Amino acid sequence: MARSCGHPLCERIGGACSLVIVRSHTCRPNVNARDVAPEVLDEVRGLLANIEEREAAVRLAQLVRREALDDRNLVAFARGEELDFADQLAALCARRNS
């Protein structure tokens, strides 16, 4: 039996880890904006309001992964900006100790 990754968001979705990112180990310049776009934050806020729906959880995982691939940590950004959903997002994306 496969071991759970420990992310509450992934447990909600089911299956393999939904937050893992795969990145090439080659050098590349960091050319992406450091700030998260306001429309992404609005979408995250809406998804968190409907997180009980599997589709919302799947889309949230997609956003977290996409932003991470562009060197933007949604949880860190939300906490740094003291956004109202920062704690809820962090709780869903933090691994539980097994």
Protein backbone atom coordinates (compact mmCIF):
# COMPACT_ATOMS: atom_id res chain seq x y z
CA MET A 1 0.00 0.00 0.00
CA ALA A 2 1.34 3.42 -0.97
CA ARG A 3 2.28 5.73 1.86
CA SER A 4 0.43 9.04 2.13
CA CYS A 5 2.43 12.21 1.53
CA GLY A 6 0.82 13.77 4.61
CA HIS A 7 -0.65 16.89 3.00
CA PRO A 8 -4.26 17.38 4.14
CA LEU A 9 -5.06 18.83 0.69
CA CYS A 10 -3.77 15.66 -1.01
CA GLU A 11 -5.75 13.47 1.40
CA ARG A 12 -8.87 15.43 0.43
CA ILE A 13 -8.17 14.81 -3.28
CA GLY A 14 -7.02 11.21 -2.99
CA GLY A 15 -4.38 9.39 -5.00
CA ALA A 16 -0.74 10.43 -5.31
CA CYS A 17 0.65 13.67 -3.89
CA SER A 18 -0.94 16.62 -5.68
CA LEU A 19 1.60 19.21 -4.51
CA VAL A 20 4.87 17.64 -5.62
CA ILE A 21 6.73 19.53 -8.32
CA VAL A 22 9.37 18.18 -10.66
CA ARG A 23 12.01 20.62 -11.72
CA SER A 24 15.01 20.31 -14.00
CA HIS A 25 18.32 20.59 -12.20
CA THR A 26 19.78 22.82 -14.90
CA CYS A 27 20.64 26.43 -14.22
CA ARG A 28 18.11 28.99 -15.28
CA PRO A 29 17.74 32.68 -14.51
CA ASN A 30 14.90 33.64 -12.22
CA VAL A 31 12.85 35.73 -14.63
CA ASN A 32 9.46 35.32 -12.98
CA ALA A 33 7.73 38.02 -10.97
CA ARG A 34 8.06 37.54 -7.22
CA ASP A 35 4.54 38.73 -6.43
CA VAL A 36 1.47 36.58 -6.85
CA ALA A 37 -1.08 38.07 -9.24
CA PRO A 38 -4.19 39.51 -7.54
CA GLU A 39 -6.47 37.31 -9.67
CA VAL A 40 -4.63 34.20 -8.39
CA LEU A 41 -5.18 35.34 -4.81
CA ASP A 42 -8.86 35.94 -5.53
CA GLU A 43 -9.17 32.47 -7.02
CA VAL A 44 -7.41 30.89 -4.04
CA ARG A 45 -9.76 32.71 -1.67
CA GLY A 46 -12.79 31.40 -3.58
CA LEU A 47 -11.44 27.86 -3.73
CA LEU A 48 -10.79 27.82 0.00
CA ALA A 49 -14.39 28.89 0.59
CA ASN A 50 -15.48 25.78 -1.34
CA ILE A 51 -12.68 23.42 -0.30
CA GLU A 52 -15.12 20.65 0.63
CA GLU A 53 -15.75 20.16 -3.09
CA ARG A 54 -13.15 17.90 -4.71
CA GLU A 55 -12.93 20.12 -7.80
CA ALA A 56 -11.97 23.11 -5.64
CA ALA A 57 -9.27 21.06 -3.89
CA VAL A 58 -7.88 19.84 -7.22
CA ARG A 59 -7.76 23.37 -8.65
CA LEU A 60 -6.11 24.71 -5.49
CA ALA A 61 -3.39 22.04 -5.75
CA GLN A 62 -2.85 23.02 -9.40
CA LEU A 63 -2.40 26.67 -8.42
CA VAL A 64 -0.01 25.85 -5.58
CA ARG A 65 2.10 23.70 -7.93
CA ARG A 66 2.07 26.24 -10.77
CA GLU A 67 3.15 29.07 -8.49
CA ALA A 68 5.88 26.91 -6.95
CA LEU A 69 7.25 26.09 -10.39
CA ASP A 70 7.52 29.85 -10.96
CA ASP A 71 9.41 30.22 -7.65
CA ARG A 72 6.44 31.67 -5.79
CA ASN A 73 5.38 29.99 -2.55
CA LEU A 74 1.68 30.75 -2.11
CA VAL A 75 1.72 29.90 1.60
CA ALA A 76 4.74 32.11 2.33
CA PHE A 77 3.32 34.93 0.24
CA ALA A 78 -0.09 34.75 1.94
CA ARG A 79 1.54 34.76 5.38
CA GLY A 80 3.88 37.60 4.50
CA GLU A 81 1.02 39.72 3.23
CA GLU A 82 -1.12 38.69 6.23
CA LEU A 83 -3.94 37.59 3.95
CA ASP A 84 -7.14 36.38 5.60
CA PHE A 85 -6.79 32.86 4.19
CA ALA A 86 -3.09 32.32 5.02
CA ASP A 87 -3.65 29.98 7.99
CA GLN A 88 -6.24 27.89 6.15
CA LEU A 89 -3.97 27.52 3.12
CA ALA A 90 -0.97 26.66 5.29
CA ALA A 91 -2.94 23.99 7.15
CA LEU A 92 -3.92 22.31 3.88
CA CYS A 93 -0.40 22.39 2.42
CA ALA A 94 1.69 21.45 5.47
CA ARG A 95 2.68 17.82 5.89
CA ARG A 96 1.43 16.11 8.97
CA ASN A 97 3.97 14.14 10.93
CA SER A 98 3.39 10.45 10.35
